[in-house]
Amino acid sequence: MLRLAVLTLTLLLTPLAALAERVALVIGMSDYANVTKLKNTINDADRIAAKLQEVGFNVTLATDKTQSELLDIMDTFSFQAETADLALVYYAGHGVEVQGVNYLVPIDANVTEAQDITRVGISLNQILETVDSARKMRVVILDSCRNNPFVGIAGFGGSGDTSLSGNTADPNAPAAGLAPVNPELGTLVAYAAKAGQVALDGLGGNSPYATALIDAFGRPDVEIGLMFRQVRDEVLKNTGNLQEPYQYGSLSGTPFFLAGSSDGSLDIAAESDPRVAWANIKPDDEQQMRALADQGDNRAMLGLAYIRLNPDQPSYNPEEAVAYLTRAAAAGAADAQYELAKLYEKGLGVATDPARALELYQQSAAQDFPDAVNDMGFIYYQGGLGLAADPTLALDYFARAADLRQPEAMFNYASLIDEGQVAGRGPEDAAKYLYDALRAGSDPVLTQLTTKPEMFKPPARKALQKILKSNAFYDGPLDGDFGKSTQTALKKAYGLPG
């Protein structure tokens, strides 16, 4: 029978004392061997790294690296990012587009035709993969569209070949800027200049974009979504509207303050309940959020809804929350669809409507919002909202949610595998999902494994010990005994000191 313990524990356990870690990889490329050198990129990277470290980030600084060196650094950073609340990458250097894919250019890149960049460059997708497993928020900042270093090379413009550069307006013009991207929910990709536009290197020691970022990173009490809006406005002002930064994707629904609070209040990034987290923002931020919501910003609408769903605050107003969520849901925001579904299911701020709740859960799940996918699994497992129980379909949803790294789904799917209910899956698969749930920061999973490990069979426990050993968290025997050394390893894998 499916174990539901984790979902119960989610409501009962006090969060463990893991640090709300922030990690950053700052990359600067200047001393190119085969293309134009850049003036300010190392200065930009150095100052960005120093500012991020000043506001509490664990920073890895990588300047003038070859492709091989940078790939090694990215591998290490990716592992580090798995236990971070926020993982951020900043890149200053050459960047180009080939066939709609953006590439960052290491200093040793040698390109004679456009297709070479797929072999000697670092794709934006590879950069996104390094931050993909961060627990709450992922940010990639590219100050990399200063110019086209490969003008005249076939496929990059200036040669009449436009098949790769995407530049069809003028076949003799160099390709400009980077292509737009569509990152997954919870990931923001920020460009120094919007797609197709070239960013300025600046007349002083830093680019206009880096200068604006450095200033913004140090401002307390400014929520990260609003911070990027301020950076955009500052760059437009300082470049006479010649350069407009642009953001793609959407941050998670958790508020985050890079420079913290000027009065030393709660680190909102560590608050697990978004209703409480958003209620702690400053009045000025809320006013700016209302202005953004009026402009159609879905994340601002979501935050304002959370503020009005906190019963401990004077602003508690479920009806207004429903209004904000309805607008964001209609615009296609998966997280708003999920939150609105819960209100229709409960009848909070709106009349109970199971059919409407199910429709919204389905819409959110169709966009791979992990919590909605997991909830659809339970709706089908138990039967509800007008649907008959369907364990087979429930299993499909649980598998999908687990692969989307939803922590409770990973635990429950591991349980199903351990019980032999998933064809073709064995103890090693169960152990991998349990390990991934630990890395994702699931307090209940850590508690279950350290207090009731016997709920999993010995082969799964041994397989988990093997994974812990392969990642240097454990050096004991693979005996399935979760004694002190294994418990210490589990805590280290989770992100605790051990």
Protein backbone atom coordinates (compact mmCIF):
# COMPACT_ATOMS: atom_id res chain seq x y z
CA MET A 1 0.00 0.00 0.00
CA LEU A 2 1.23 3.50 -0.83
CA ARG A 3 2.91 5.24 2.11
CA LEU A 4 1.41 8.66 2.75
CA ALA A 5 3.53 9.46 5.80
CA VAL A 6 5.61 12.16 4.17
CA LEU A 7 2.61 14.25 3.22
CA THR A 8 1.34 14.13 6.80
CA LEU A 9 4.76 14.99 8.16
CA THR A 10 4.99 17.97 5.85
CA LEU A 11 2.30 19.59 7.94
CA LEU A 12 3.63 18.54 11.33
CA LEU A 13 7.39 18.79 11.33
CA THR A 14 9.36 21.85 12.29
CA PRO A 15 11.79 22.72 9.45
CA LEU A 16 15.33 21.54 10.09
CA ALA A 17 18.11 24.02 10.71
CA ALA A 18 19.72 23.96 7.28
CA LEU A 19 21.27 27.21 6.11
CA ALA A 20 19.42 29.13 3.41
CA GLU A 21 22.46 28.97 1.16
CA ARG A 22 23.04 31.25 -1.82
CA VAL A 23 25.64 30.21 -4.37
CA ALA A 24 26.94 32.07 -7.40
CA LEU A 25 29.20 31.27 -10.33
CA VAL A 26 30.67 34.44 -11.82
CA ILE A 27 32.40 34.09 -15.19
CA GLY A 28 34.43 36.70 -17.04
CA MET A 29 36.07 36.18 -20.45
CA SER A 30 38.43 38.79 -21.90
CA ASP A 31 41.78 37.44 -23.15
CA TYR A 32 40.51 35.64 -26.25
CA ALA A 33 43.09 33.82 -28.34
CA ASN A 34 41.30 33.92 -31.69
CA VAL A 35 38.73 36.74 -31.57
CA THR A 36 38.49 40.32 -30.35
CA LYS A 37 39.51 40.80 -26.74
CA LEU A 38 37.04 42.56 -24.46
CA LYS A 39 37.86 45.53 -22.25
CA ASN A 40 35.59 45.48 -19.21
CA THR A 41 34.51 41.89 -18.72
CA ILE A 42 37.08 40.93 -16.08
CA ASN A 43 36.42 44.15 -14.16
CA ASP A 44 32.70 43.39 -14.36
CA ALA A 45 33.13 39.82 -13.11
CA ASP A 46 35.45 40.87 -10.28
CA ARG A 47 33.09 43.56 -9.00
CA ILE A 48 29.97 41.40 -9.38
CA ALA A 49 31.69 38.57 -7.46
CA ALA A 50 32.78 40.92 -4.69
CA LYS A 51 29.29 42.40 -4.31
CA LEU A 52 27.60 38.99 -4.24
CA GLN A 53 30.05 37.78 -1.63
CA GLU A 54 29.38 40.92 0.39
CA VAL A 55 25.65 40.16 0.52
CA GLY A 56 26.12 36.56 1.62
CA PHE A 57 26.69 34.43 -1.47
CA ASN A 58 29.20 31.60 -1.64
CA VAL A 59 30.93 32.74 -4.84
CA THR A 60 32.99 30.84 -7.40
CA LEU A 61 34.89 33.26 -9.65
CA ALA A 62 36.12 31.95 -13.03
CA THR A 63 37.98 34.33 -15.34
CA ASP A 64 39.63 33.69 -18.72
CA LYS A 65 38.94 29.96 -18.75
CA THR A 66 39.21 27.47 -21.58
CA GLN A 67 36.22 25.35 -22.48
CA SER A 68 37.60 22.33 -20.61
CA GLU A 69 38.38 24.36 -17.50
CA LEU A 70 34.96 25.99 -17.48
CA LEU A 71 33.12 22.68 -17.91
CA ASP A 72 34.96 21.28 -14.87
CA ILE A 73 34.06 24.36 -12.81
CA MET A 74 30.43 24.07 -13.92
CA ASP A 75 30.28 20.42 -12.82
CA THR A 76 31.49 21.32 -9.33
CA PHE A 77 29.13 24.27 -9.10
CA SER A 78 26.16 22.16 -10.23
CA PHE A 79 26.70 19.76 -7.33
CA GLN A 80 27.01 22.68 -4.91
CA ALA A 81 23.81 24.26 -6.26
CA GLU A 82 21.70 21.21 -5.42
CA THR A 83 21.49 22.19 -1.75
CA ALA A 84 21.21 25.95 -2.32
CA ASP A 85 18.01 27.95 -2.09
CA LEU A 86 19.23 30.29 -4.83
CA ALA A 87 21.80 29.50 -7.52
CA LEU A 88 22.97 32.38 -9.70
CA VAL A 89 25.30 32.48 -12.72
CA TYR A 90 26.68 35.74 -14.12
CA TYR A 91 28.59 35.71 -17.42
CA ALA A 92 30.48 38.57 -19.04
CA GLY A 93 32.11 37.80 -22.38
CA HIS A 94 31.31 37.07 -25.99
CA GLY A 95 28.04 35.34 -26.71
CA VAL A 96 26.53 34.32 -30.05
CA GLU A 97 23.46 32.61 -31.49
CA VAL A 98 23.51 29.70 -33.94
CA GLN A 99 20.24 28.19 -35.17
CA GLY A 100 18.32 29.70 -32.27
CA VAL A 101 20.73 28.33 -29.63
CA ASN A 102 22.84 30.73 -27.57
CA TYR A 103 26.50 29.97 -26.91
CA LEU A 104 29.03 31.51 -24.54
CA VAL A 105 32.54 31.75 -25.96
CA PRO A 106 35.52 30.46 -23.91
CA ILE A 107 38.89 32.10 -24.47
CA ASP A 108 40.29 29.19 -26.52
CA ALA A 109 37.37 28.96 -28.98
CA ASN A 110 38.62 28.60 -32.55
CA VAL A 111 35.81 29.02 -35.09
CA THR A 112 36.12 28.85 -38.88
CA GLU A 113 32.42 28.23 -39.58
CA ALA A 114 29.30 28.70 -37.52
CA GLN A 115 28.80 25.03 -36.74
CA ASP A 116 32.16 25.01 -34.92
CA ILE A 117 30.63 26.91 -32.02
CA THR A 118 28.50 23.87 -31.13
CA ARG A 119 31.77 22.03 -30.47
CA VAL A 120 33.96 24.72 -28.88
CA GLY A 121 31.37 26.87 -27.08
CA ILE A 122 29.28 26.51 -23.94
CA SER A 123 25.56 26.50 -24.66
CA LEU A 124 23.12 28.43 -22.54
CA ASN A 125 21.34 25.12 -21.96
CA GLN A 126 24.49 23.79 -20.31
CA ILE A 127 24.59 26.84 -18.05
CA LEU A 128 20.93 26.35 -17.15
CA GLU A 129 21.63 22.73 -16.24
CA THR A 130 24.18 23.85 -13.64
CA VAL A 131 21.48 25.72 -11.68
CA ASP A 132 18.55 23.45 -12.54
CA SER A 133 18.46 21.60 -9.20
CA ALA A 134 18.62 24.61 -6.85
CA ARG A 135 15.80 24.33 -4.33
CA LYS A 136 13.86 27.56 -4.75
CA MET A 137 15.25 29.94 -7.32
CA ARG A 138 17.58 29.93 -10.33
CA VAL A 139 18.99 33.04 -12.01
CA VAL A 140 21.27 33.27 -15.06
CA ILE A 141 22.54 36.72 -16.04
CA LEU A 142 24.20 37.22 -19.44
CA ASP A 143 26.16 40.40 -20.06
CA SER A 144 27.33 38.79 -23.28
CA CYS A 145 25.82 40.47 -26.32
CA ARG A 146 28.36 43.26 -26.78
CA ASN A 147 29.14 42.47 -30.44
CA ASN A 148 29.54 39.59 -32.87
CA PRO A 149 33.15 38.35 -32.73
CA PHE A 150 32.70 36.17 -35.82
CA VAL A 151 31.58 38.73 -38.41
CA GLY A 152 32.52 37.50 -41.89
CA ILE A 153 32.48 33.82 -40.96
CA ALA A 154 29.87 31.79 -42.83
CA GLY A 155 26.67 31.56 -40.82
CA PHE A 156 27.42 34.53 -38.58
CA GLY A 157 26.43 37.33 -40.93
CA GLY A 158 28.50 39.48 -43.22
CA SER A 159 28.94 36.62 -45.69
CA GLY A 160 25.47 36.30 -47.15
CA ASP A 161 24.81 33.03 -45.30
CA THR A 162 21.89 33.59 -42.92
CA SER A 163 20.84 29.99 -42.35
CA LEU A 164 22.47 29.76 -38.93
CA SER A 165 22.46 33.26 -37.54
CA GLY A 166 18.74 33.83 -37.81
CA ASN A 167 19.47 37.22 -39.40
CA THR A 168 17.12 37.39 -42.36
CA ALA A 169 16.40 41.13 -42.54
CA ASP A 170 19.77 42.00 -44.06
CA PRO A 171 21.97 39.13 -45.28
CA ASN A 172 25.04 41.36 -45.24
CA ALA A 173 24.59 42.56 -41.66
CA PRO A 174 26.23 40.81 -38.71
CA ALA A 175 23.97 38.85 -36.40
CA ALA A 176 23.24 40.90 -33.31
CA GLY A 177 22.64 39.86 -29.73
CA LEU A 178 21.20 36.60 -28.49
CA ALA A 179 18.07 34.61 -29.22
CA PRO A 180 15.10 34.69 -26.83
CA VAL A 181 14.76 31.71 -24.48
CA ASN A 182 11.96 30.00 -22.60
CA PRO A 183 13.34 28.63 -19.32
CA GLU A 184 11.24 26.50 -16.99
CA LEU A 185 9.17 27.97 -14.16
CA GLY A 186 11.35 29.11 -11.27
CA THR A 187 14.23 30.12 -13.55
CA LEU A 188 14.99 33.66 -14.72
CA VAL A 189 17.37 34.39 -17.59
CA ALA A 190 18.36 38.06 -17.66
CA TYR A 191 19.99 39.60 -20.75
CA ALA A 192 22.00 42.81 -20.66
CA ALA A 193 20.10 43.72 -23.84
CA LYS A 194 16.89 42.28 -25.24
CA ALA A 195 17.06 39.63 -27.94
CA GLY A 196 18.58 40.91 -31.17
CA GLN A 197 20.05 44.02 -29.51
CA VAL A 198 23.73 44.65 -28.80
CA ALA A 199 24.78 45.67 -25.30
CA LEU A 200 27.31 48.42 -24.64
CA ASP A 201 30.73 47.75 -23.13
CA GLY A 202 30.77 51.12 -21.39
CA LEU A 203 33.15 54.07 -21.40
CA GLY A 204 34.44 53.56 -17.87
CA GLY A 205 35.72 50.49 -16.05
CA ASN A 206 32.44 48.58 -16.16
CA SER A 207 29.58 48.00 -18.57
CA PRO A 208 26.34 49.93 -17.94
CA TYR A 209 24.55 46.67 -17.12
CA ALA A 210 27.17 45.46 -14.66
CA THR A 211 27.22 48.88 -12.97
CA ALA A 212 23.45 48.80 -12.51
CA LEU A 213 23.56 45.23 -11.18
CA ILE A 214 26.29 46.05 -8.66
CA ASP A 215 24.27 48.98 -7.34
CA ALA A 216 21.08 46.92 -7.16
CA PHE A 217 22.69 43.91 -5.48
CA GLY A 218 23.62 46.07 -2.51
CA ARG A 219 20.19 47.58 -1.85
CA PRO A 220 18.42 46.10 1.17
CA ASP A 221 14.65 45.62 1.31
CA VAL A 222 14.29 45.21 -2.48
CA GLU A 223 12.64 42.00 -3.64
CA ILE A 224 14.56 40.33 -6.48
CA GLY A 225 11.77 40.67 -9.05
CA LEU A 226 11.54 44.40 -8.39
CA MET A 227 15.33 44.64 -8.38
CA PHE A 228 15.58 43.51 -12.01
CA ARG A 229 12.94 46.08 -12.96
CA GLN A 230 15.06 48.78 -11.33
CA VAL A 231 18.17 47.56 -13.18
CA ARG A 232 16.28 47.79 -16.47
CA ASP A 233 15.19 51.36 -15.77
CA GLU A 234 18.69 52.43 -14.72
CA VAL A 235 20.36 51.01 -17.84
CA LEU A 236 17.81 52.65 -20.12
CA LYS A 237 18.43 55.98 -18.38
CA ASN A 238 22.23 55.71 -18.43
CA THR A 239 22.41 54.67 -22.10
CA GLY A 240 19.90 57.19 -23.42
CA ASN A 241 17.47 54.34 -24.18
CA LEU A 242 20.03 52.65 -26.45
CA GLN A 243 20.14 49.50 -24.35
CA GLU A 244 17.16 47.75 -22.76
CA PRO A 245 17.82 44.77 -20.48
CA TYR A 246 15.28 41.99 -20.72
CA GLN A 247 14.21 39.00 -18.65
CA TYR A 248 12.89 35.64 -19.79
CA GLY A 249 11.18 33.02 -17.67
CA SER A 250 9.66 33.48 -14.25
CA LEU A 251 11.02 33.38 -10.72
CA SER A 252 9.43 31.09 -8.18
CA GLY A 253 6.64 32.36 -5.94
CA THR A 254 9.06 32.80 -3.03
CA PRO A 255 10.15 36.40 -2.30
CA PHE A 256 13.90 36.85 -2.11
CA PHE A 257 16.02 39.82 -0.97
CA LEU A 258 19.60 39.65 -2.20
CA ALA A 259 20.87 42.25 0.28
CA GLY A 260 18.55 41.19 3.09
CA SER A 261 16.60 43.61 5.23
CA SER A 262 17.90 46.87 6.66
CA ASP A 263 16.25 46.13 10.01
CA GLY A 264 17.65 42.61 10.30
CA SER A 265 14.25 40.91 10.06
CA LEU A 266 13.57 37.30 9.11
CA ASP A 267 15.45 35.90 6.13
CA ILE A 268 12.39 35.52 3.96
CA ALA A 269 14.15 33.08 1.65
CA ALA A 270 14.12 30.52 4.46
CA GLU A 271 10.38 30.85 5.12
CA SER A 272 8.55 27.82 3.74
CA ASP A 273 5.01 29.26 3.78
CA PRO A 274 4.69 31.85 0.98
CA ARG A 275 1.75 33.50 2.75
CA VAL A 276 4.06 34.34 5.66
CA ALA A 277 7.02 35.16 3.44
CA TRP A 278 5.20 37.72 1.29
CA ALA A 279 3.51 39.28 4.34
CA ASN A 280 6.97 40.41 5.49
CA ILE A 281 7.69 42.63 2.50
CA LYS A 282 7.94 46.39 2.92
CA PRO A 283 4.98 48.67 2.08
CA ASP A 284 6.97 50.31 -0.72
CA ASP A 285 7.57 46.91 -2.31
CA GLU A 286 3.89 46.05 -2.11
CA GLN A 287 3.00 49.33 -3.78
CA GLN A 288 5.43 48.59 -6.61
CA MET A 289 3.98 45.09 -6.89
CA ARG A 290 0.50 46.54 -7.34
CA ALA A 291 1.83 48.72 -10.16
CA LEU A 292 3.42 45.69 -11.81
CA ALA A 293 0.23 43.67 -11.38
CA ASP A 294 -1.66 46.46 -13.16
CA GLN A 295 0.83 45.99 -16.03
CA GLY A 296 0.09 42.27 -16.16
CA ASP A 297 3.02 40.88 -14.14
CA ASN A 298 1.89 37.40 -13.04
CA ARG A 299 4.44 37.01 -10.24
CA ALA A 300 3.35 40.31 -8.70
CA MET A 301 -0.28 39.09 -8.79
CA LEU A 302 0.76 35.82 -7.11
CA GLY A 303 2.65 37.64 -4.36
CA LEU A 304 -0.25 40.01 -3.71
CA ALA A 305 -2.58 37.02 -3.50
CA TYR A 306 -0.33 35.32 -0.93
CA ILE A 307 -0.34 38.50 1.17
CA ARG A 308 -4.14 38.41 1.22
CA LEU A 309 -4.25 34.73 2.15
CA ASN A 310 -2.41 35.15 5.45
CA PRO A 311 -5.11 35.08 8.21
CA ASP A 312 -2.68 36.56 10.73
CA GLN A 313 -2.34 39.83 8.80
CA PRO A 314 -4.70 42.84 8.59
CA SER A 315 -4.54 42.52 4.79
CA TYR A 316 -6.28 39.12 4.90
CA ASN A 317 -8.83 39.13 2.10
CA PRO A 318 -9.42 35.81 0.30
CA GLU A 319 -11.81 37.41 -2.20
CA GLU A 320 -9.08 39.80 -3.38
CA ALA A 321 -6.64 36.88 -3.51
CA VAL A 322 -9.05 35.04 -5.81
CA ALA A 323 -9.26 38.10 -8.07
CA TYR A 324 -5.45 38.32 -8.41
CA LEU A 325 -5.05 34.58 -8.95
CA THR A 326 -7.86 34.52 -11.52
CA ARG A 327 -6.07 37.14 -13.62
CA ALA A 328 -2.72 35.36 -13.40
CA ALA A 329 -4.28 31.96 -14.05
CA ALA A 330 -6.08 33.28 -17.13
CA ALA A 331 -2.71 34.54 -18.39
CA GLY A 332 -1.36 30.99 -18.13
CA ALA A 333 0.65 31.17 -14.88
CA ALA A 334 0.87 27.55 -13.72
CA ASP A 335 1.58 28.42 -10.08
CA ALA A 336 -1.44 30.75 -9.97
CA GLN A 337 -3.63 28.03 -11.52
CA TYR A 338 -2.52 25.65 -8.79
CA GLU A 339 -3.18 28.08 -5.94
CA LEU A 340 -6.57 29.05 -7.38
CA ALA A 341 -7.49 25.37 -7.69
CA LYS A 342 -6.91 24.92 -3.96
CA LEU A 343 -9.22 27.85 -3.18
CA TYR A 344 -12.00 26.44 -5.37
CA GLU A 345 -11.54 23.06 -3.73
CA LYS A 346 -11.74 24.53 -0.20
CA GLY A 347 -14.31 27.20 -0.94
CA LEU A 348 -12.03 29.95 0.39
CA GLY A 349 -12.78 33.38 -1.08
CA VAL A 350 -15.02 31.75 -3.66
CA ALA A 351 -17.86 29.23 -3.72
CA THR A 352 -16.71 25.60 -3.61
CA ASP A 353 -16.52 24.26 -7.16
CA PRO A 354 -14.88 20.81 -7.55
CA ALA A 355 -15.18 20.86 -11.33
CA ARG A 356 -13.42 24.23 -11.59
CA ALA A 357 -10.76 23.09 -9.11
CA LEU A 358 -10.08 19.97 -11.19
CA GLU A 359 -9.87 22.02 -14.38
CA LEU A 360 -7.27 24.32 -12.81
CA TYR A 361 -5.24 21.43 -11.37
CA GLN A 362 -5.19 19.88 -14.84
CA GLN A 363 -4.14 23.13 -16.50
CA SER A 364 -1.29 23.58 -14.03
CA ALA A 365 -0.19 19.95 -14.31
CA ALA A 366 -0.21 20.21 -18.10
CA GLN A 367 2.53 22.83 -17.70
CA ASP A 368 4.53 20.46 -15.48
CA PHE A 369 4.04 22.46 -12.29
CA PRO A 370 5.38 19.80 -9.87
CA ASP A 371 2.92 20.29 -7.00
CA ALA A 372 -0.04 20.12 -9.38
CA VAL A 373 1.27 16.96 -11.02
CA ASN A 374 1.73 15.37 -7.59
CA ASP A 375 -1.75 16.40 -6.46
CA MET A 376 -3.26 14.95 -9.62
CA GLY A 377 -1.63 11.68 -8.61
CA PHE A 378 -3.42 11.75 -5.27
CA ILE A 379 -6.72 12.75 -6.86
CA TYR A 380 -6.53 9.70 -9.10
CA TYR A 381 -5.14 7.44 -6.36
CA GLN A 382 -7.90 8.22 -3.88
CA GLY A 383 -10.65 9.36 -6.23
CA GLY A 384 -11.90 12.90 -5.84
CA LEU A 385 -13.18 16.08 -7.48
CA GLY A 386 -15.59 13.96 -9.48
CA LEU A 387 -12.97 11.50 -10.72
CA ALA A 388 -13.07 7.77 -10.00
CA ALA A 389 -9.98 6.22 -8.46
CA ASP A 390 -7.48 5.07 -11.08
CA PRO A 391 -4.29 3.66 -9.48
CA THR A 392 -2.61 3.14 -12.86
CA LEU A 393 -3.04 6.77 -13.88
CA ALA A 394 -2.09 7.86 -10.36
CA LEU A 395 1.20 6.00 -10.72
CA ASP A 396 1.91 7.80 -13.99
CA TYR A 397 1.38 11.16 -12.29
CA PHE A 398 3.55 10.20 -9.31
CA ALA A 399 6.33 9.13 -11.66
CA ARG A 400 6.08 12.40 -13.56
CA ALA A 401 6.09 14.47 -10.37
CA ALA A 402 9.08 12.54 -9.05
CA ASP A 403 11.01 13.20 -12.26
CA LEU A 404 10.15 16.89 -11.81
CA ARG A 405 11.89 16.65 -8.40
CA GLN A 406 8.77 17.20 -6.30
CA PRO A 407 10.13 16.00 -2.91
CA GLU A 408 7.07 14.20 -1.57
CA ALA A 409 6.48 12.57 -4.96
CA MET A 410 10.07 11.32 -4.99
CA PHE A 411 9.56 9.70 -1.59
CA ASN A 412 6.20 8.16 -2.47
CA TYR A 413 7.42 6.89 -5.82
CA ALA A 414 10.46 5.36 -4.12
CA SER A 415 8.03 3.65 -1.73
CA LEU A 416 6.03 2.23 -4.61
CA ILE A 417 9.19 0.95 -6.26
CA ASP A 418 10.35 -0.59 -2.96
CA GLU A 419 7.02 -2.41 -2.67
CA GLY A 420 7.36 -3.86 -6.17
CA GLN A 421 4.45 -1.86 -7.63
CA VAL A 422 6.44 -0.30 -10.48
CA ALA A 423 7.37 -2.69 -13.26
CA GLY A 424 10.99 -2.52 -14.37
CA ARG A 425 12.18 -0.52 -11.36
CA GLY A 426 14.27 -1.86 -8.52
CA PRO A 427 16.12 -0.91 -5.30
CA GLU A 428 18.66 1.26 -7.12
CA ASP A 429 15.84 3.37 -8.58
CA ALA A 430 14.15 3.72 -5.20
CA ALA A 431 17.44 4.80 -3.65
CA LYS A 432 18.08 7.38 -6.39
CA TYR A 433 14.69 9.03 -5.78
CA LEU A 434 15.31 9.08 -2.03
CA TYR A 435 18.75 10.64 -2.55
CA ASP A 436 17.31 13.26 -4.91
CA ALA A 437 14.60 14.09 -2.35
CA LEU A 438 17.31 14.69 0.24
CA ARG A 439 19.23 16.94 -2.12
CA ALA A 440 16.01 18.84 -2.89
CA GLY A 441 15.75 19.73 0.81
CA SER A 442 12.85 17.60 1.98
CA ASP A 443 12.76 17.75 5.80
CA PRO A 444 10.18 14.93 6.06
CA VAL A 445 12.25 12.58 3.90
CA LEU A 446 15.34 13.17 6.03
CA THR A 447 13.29 12.59 9.18
CA GLN A 448 11.83 9.34 7.84
CA LEU A 449 15.21 7.99 6.78
CA THR A 450 16.93 8.88 10.06
CA THR A 451 14.13 7.76 12.40
CA LYS A 452 12.29 5.00 10.52
CA PRO A 453 14.64 3.61 7.87
CA GLU A 454 13.18 0.13 8.29
CA MET A 455 10.13 1.22 6.31
CA PHE A 456 12.37 0.57 3.29
CA LYS A 457 13.69 -2.90 2.54
CA PRO A 458 17.41 -3.73 3.01
CA PRO A 459 18.25 -3.71 -0.74
CA ALA A 460 16.99 -0.12 -1.09
CA ARG A 461 18.85 0.96 2.05
CA LYS A 462 22.07 -0.61 0.77
CA ALA A 463 21.62 1.06 -2.61
CA LEU A 464 21.16 4.42 -0.89
CA GLN A 465 24.36 3.88 1.11
CA LYS A 466 26.13 3.17 -2.18
CA ILE A 467 24.95 6.48 -3.65
CA LEU A 468 26.02 8.32 -0.50
CA LYS A 469 29.44 6.70 -0.76
CA SER A 470 29.82 7.56 -4.45
CA ASN A 471 29.24 11.21 -3.56
CA ALA A 472 31.75 11.16 -0.68
CA PHE A 473 29.15 11.51 2.07
CA TYR A 474 29.66 8.02 3.50
CA ASP A 475 32.63 5.68 3.94
CA GLY A 476 31.10 2.78 5.88
CA PRO A 477 29.95 -0.68 4.82
CA LEU A 478 27.02 -1.25 2.44
CA ASP A 479 25.04 -3.22 5.01
CA GLY A 480 21.67 -1.44 5.06
CA ASP A 481 22.18 -0.52 8.72
CA PHE A 482 21.30 3.15 9.14
CA GLY A 483 23.39 3.71 12.24
CA LYS A 484 25.22 6.85 13.27
CA SER A 485 27.58 7.02 10.27
CA THR A 486 24.76 6.57 7.75
CA GLN A 487 22.59 9.12 9.54
CA THR A 488 25.47 11.59 9.44
CA ALA A 489 25.84 10.93 5.72
CA LEU A 490 22.13 11.50 5.14
CA LYS A 491 22.32 14.84 6.91
CA LYS A 492 25.34 15.88 4.85
CA ALA A 493 23.57 14.93 1.65
CA TYR A 494 20.62 17.05 2.76
CA GLY A 495 22.94 20.01 3.34
CA LEU A 496 23.40 19.96 7.10
CA PRO A 497 26.83 19.96 8.77
CA GLY A 498 26.41 16.27 9.71
